[in-house]
Amino acid sequence: MKILAFGASYSRNSINKTFAAYVAKQIGNAEVEVLDLSQYDLPIFTVDIEKEVGTPTFVNAFLSKLESADLLVISMAEHNGSYTVAFKNLFDWTSRAKLKMFEDKKMILLSAAPGPRGGKGVIDSALVRFPMHGANIVMHFTLPKFSENFSDDLGILNEELKKDFSAKIENLSF
């Protein structure tokens, strides 16, 4: 099985990229590729720019990565209760090129945040929106207070959150 994981952020030190990579590696017997979305430099989407330049090559490259995966692990960064501007821009460009960009692929949808809600606003938005674009969301999980509840070496530190996460991972079947 091939897993494509990424944090829906263009931040160099994205906690969501870190969390997506961690979660992907918890799934046994899989080849994991972790994308760095900052490599997908796109102009701000408008229909005028789309008409002028067409579909940028980075959009097709991103679609190619999505198509190559059997499972998507996406950890959503939250800015003001919603998607980051950079991810939303990539999402807009990609959905114009292929509306059902997720192609009914299984998806683990995550969010990690420094605050106490763990990115609940962005997860709620994605749980509604992503299935409209072909996502088959098989699990979702939010990790609040990331710096207190996660360690690169040990994973999820909070015992209650760890227990909840482990139960969800164990109940998945591929």
Protein backbone atom coordinates (compact mmCIF):
# COMPACT_ATOMS: atom_id res chain seq x y z
CA MET A 1 0.00 0.00 0.00
CA LYS A 2 1.22 3.48 -0.83
CA ILE A 3 0.41 6.28 1.61
CA LEU A 4 0.68 9.94 0.69
CA ALA A 5 0.87 12.19 3.75
CA PHE A 6 1.01 15.95 4.07
CA GLY A 7 0.22 18.83 6.34
CA ALA A 8 -2.17 21.31 4.69
CA SER A 9 0.22 24.16 5.36
CA TYR A 10 3.12 25.82 3.61
CA SER A 11 4.95 26.47 6.89
CA ARG A 12 8.58 25.29 6.91
CA ASN A 13 8.13 23.87 10.41
CA SER A 14 4.57 22.63 10.02
CA ILE A 15 3.31 20.70 13.02
CA ASN A 16 0.65 19.26 10.72
CA LYS A 17 3.25 17.88 8.32
CA THR A 18 5.01 16.33 11.34
CA PHE A 19 1.73 14.86 12.60
CA ALA A 20 0.67 13.53 9.18
CA ALA A 21 4.04 11.81 8.77
CA TYR A 22 3.80 10.30 12.27
CA VAL A 23 0.29 8.95 11.65
CA ALA A 24 1.20 7.52 8.23
CA LYS A 25 4.08 5.63 9.80
CA GLN A 26 1.73 4.03 12.35
CA ILE A 27 0.14 2.04 9.54
CA GLY A 28 2.11 -1.10 9.00
CA ASN A 29 3.23 -2.60 5.73
CA ALA A 30 3.11 0.62 3.72
CA GLU A 31 5.33 2.80 1.60
CA VAL A 32 5.01 6.37 2.92
CA GLU A 33 5.67 9.53 0.95
CA VAL A 34 5.47 12.83 2.83
CA LEU A 35 4.83 15.87 0.67
CA ASP A 36 6.04 19.36 1.43
CA LEU A 37 3.29 21.60 0.05
CA SER A 38 5.62 24.60 -0.02
CA GLN A 39 7.03 23.01 -3.18
CA TYR A 40 3.73 23.76 -4.94
CA ASP A 41 4.14 27.46 -5.63
CA LEU A 42 1.01 28.78 -7.32
CA PRO A 43 -0.44 32.15 -8.21
CA ILE A 44 -3.56 33.12 -6.27
CA PHE A 45 -6.49 31.49 -8.02
CA THR A 46 -8.91 33.69 -9.95
CA VAL A 47 -10.84 32.80 -13.09
CA ASP A 48 -8.99 35.64 -14.82
CA ILE A 49 -5.59 34.13 -14.02
CA GLU A 50 -6.85 30.68 -14.94
CA LYS A 51 -7.97 32.02 -18.31
CA GLU A 52 -4.63 33.77 -18.78
CA VAL A 53 -2.21 30.99 -17.73
CA GLY A 54 -4.28 27.80 -17.85
CA THR A 55 -3.60 25.11 -15.27
CA PRO A 56 -0.16 25.54 -13.69
CA THR A 57 2.14 22.51 -13.91
CA PHE A 58 2.29 22.28 -10.10
CA VAL A 59 -1.43 21.46 -10.07
CA ASN A 60 -0.90 18.49 -12.38
CA ALA A 61 2.10 17.40 -10.31
CA PHE A 62 -0.04 17.50 -7.14
CA LEU A 63 -2.85 15.58 -8.86
CA SER A 64 -0.33 12.99 -9.95
CA LYS A 65 0.78 12.51 -6.35
CA LEU A 66 -2.84 12.11 -5.20
CA GLU A 67 -3.51 9.59 -7.97
CA SER A 68 -0.45 7.51 -7.06
CA ALA A 69 -1.62 6.87 -3.48
CA ASP A 70 -3.81 4.16 -2.04
CA LEU A 71 -4.39 6.11 1.19
CA LEU A 72 -4.20 9.83 1.91
CA VAL A 73 -3.20 11.12 5.34
CA ILE A 74 -3.90 14.83 5.52
CA SER A 75 -3.40 16.94 8.62
CA MET A 76 -5.15 20.28 8.35
CA ALA A 77 -3.58 23.45 9.71
CA GLU A 78 -6.13 25.95 10.95
CA HIS A 79 -6.01 29.70 10.45
CA ASN A 80 -8.92 31.62 11.95
CA GLY A 81 -11.12 28.52 12.04
CA SER A 82 -10.57 27.41 8.44
CA TYR A 83 -8.04 26.23 5.85
CA THR A 84 -4.77 28.05 5.48
CA VAL A 85 -4.79 30.45 2.53
CA ALA A 86 -2.00 28.57 0.78
CA PHE A 87 -3.76 25.20 1.05
CA LYS A 88 -7.09 26.70 -0.01
CA ASN A 89 -5.38 28.12 -3.08
CA LEU A 90 -3.90 24.71 -3.99
CA PHE A 91 -7.28 23.11 -3.31
CA ASP A 92 -9.06 25.66 -5.54
CA TRP A 93 -6.63 25.20 -8.43
CA THR A 94 -6.74 21.42 -8.12
CA SER A 95 -10.53 21.21 -7.94
CA ARG A 96 -10.73 23.28 -11.14
CA ALA A 97 -8.49 20.78 -12.89
CA LYS A 98 -10.31 17.75 -11.40
CA LEU A 99 -13.40 18.25 -9.26
CA LYS A 100 -13.27 14.77 -7.69
CA MET A 101 -9.54 15.10 -7.00
CA PHE A 102 -9.56 12.54 -4.18
CA GLU A 103 -11.01 9.81 -6.48
CA ASP A 104 -12.86 7.95 -3.70
CA LYS A 105 -9.53 7.21 -2.02
CA LYS A 106 -9.52 6.34 1.64
CA MET A 107 -8.42 9.29 3.73
CA ILE A 108 -7.34 9.81 7.31
CA LEU A 109 -8.18 13.41 8.13
CA LEU A 110 -6.28 15.03 10.97
CA SER A 111 -5.56 18.35 12.57
CA ALA A 112 -2.94 19.43 15.06
CA ALA A 113 -2.94 22.86 16.63
CA PRO A 114 -1.21 24.76 19.41
CA GLY A 115 -4.57 25.66 20.97
CA PRO A 116 -7.05 23.67 23.06
CA ARG A 117 -9.51 22.88 20.22
CA GLY A 118 -6.93 21.09 18.07
CA GLY A 119 -8.14 22.59 14.80
CA LYS A 120 -11.74 21.52 15.26
CA GLY A 121 -13.04 24.30 12.98
CA VAL A 122 -10.96 23.24 10.00
CA ILE A 123 -11.71 19.55 10.55
CA ASP A 124 -15.43 20.29 10.62
CA SER A 125 -15.11 22.18 7.32
CA ALA A 126 -13.06 19.44 5.67
CA LEU A 127 -15.41 16.68 6.87
CA VAL A 128 -18.19 18.40 4.93
CA ARG A 129 -16.20 19.60 1.90
CA PHE A 130 -13.74 16.80 1.09
CA PRO A 131 -16.36 14.08 0.37
CA MET A 132 -17.77 16.43 -2.29
CA HIS A 133 -14.37 16.07 -3.97
CA GLY A 134 -14.26 12.28 -3.73
CA ALA A 135 -12.73 11.72 -0.29
CA ASN A 136 -13.66 8.53 1.52
CA ILE A 137 -12.86 9.63 5.08
CA VAL A 138 -12.24 6.49 7.15
CA MET A 139 -10.96 8.23 10.28
CA HIS A 140 -10.56 11.69 11.70
CA PHE A 141 -8.68 12.91 14.76
CA THR A 142 -7.67 16.23 16.27
CA LEU A 143 -4.62 16.81 18.44
CA PRO A 144 -4.88 19.93 20.64
CA LYS A 145 -2.00 21.67 22.41
CA PHE A 146 0.50 20.06 20.06
CA SER A 147 3.67 21.07 21.91
CA GLU A 148 2.32 19.63 25.17
CA ASN A 149 0.75 16.51 23.67
CA PHE A 150 3.26 15.36 21.05
CA SER A 151 6.93 14.41 20.92
CA ASP A 152 8.90 13.53 17.80
CA ASP A 153 10.45 10.64 19.71
CA LEU A 154 7.42 9.35 21.62
CA GLY A 155 4.41 10.38 19.54
CA ILE A 156 1.20 11.30 21.34
CA LEU A 157 1.98 11.95 25.01
CA ASN A 158 -1.46 12.55 26.55
CA GLU A 159 -2.68 9.10 27.61
CA GLU A 160 -6.36 9.78 26.91
CA LEU A 161 -5.64 11.14 23.43
CA LYS A 162 -3.20 8.31 22.75
CA LYS A 163 -5.80 5.73 23.75
CA ASP A 164 -8.45 7.35 21.51
CA PHE A 165 -6.01 7.58 18.59
CA SER A 166 -4.81 3.98 19.00
CA ALA A 167 -8.39 2.66 19.08
CA LYS A 168 -9.20 4.51 15.87
CA ILE A 169 -6.06 3.26 14.08
CA GLU A 170 -6.68 -0.32 15.23
CA ASN A 171 -10.24 -0.24 13.88
CA LEU A 172 -9.10 0.64 10.37
CA SER A 173 -9.00 -2.01 7.69
CA PHE A 174 -7.34 -1.70 4.31
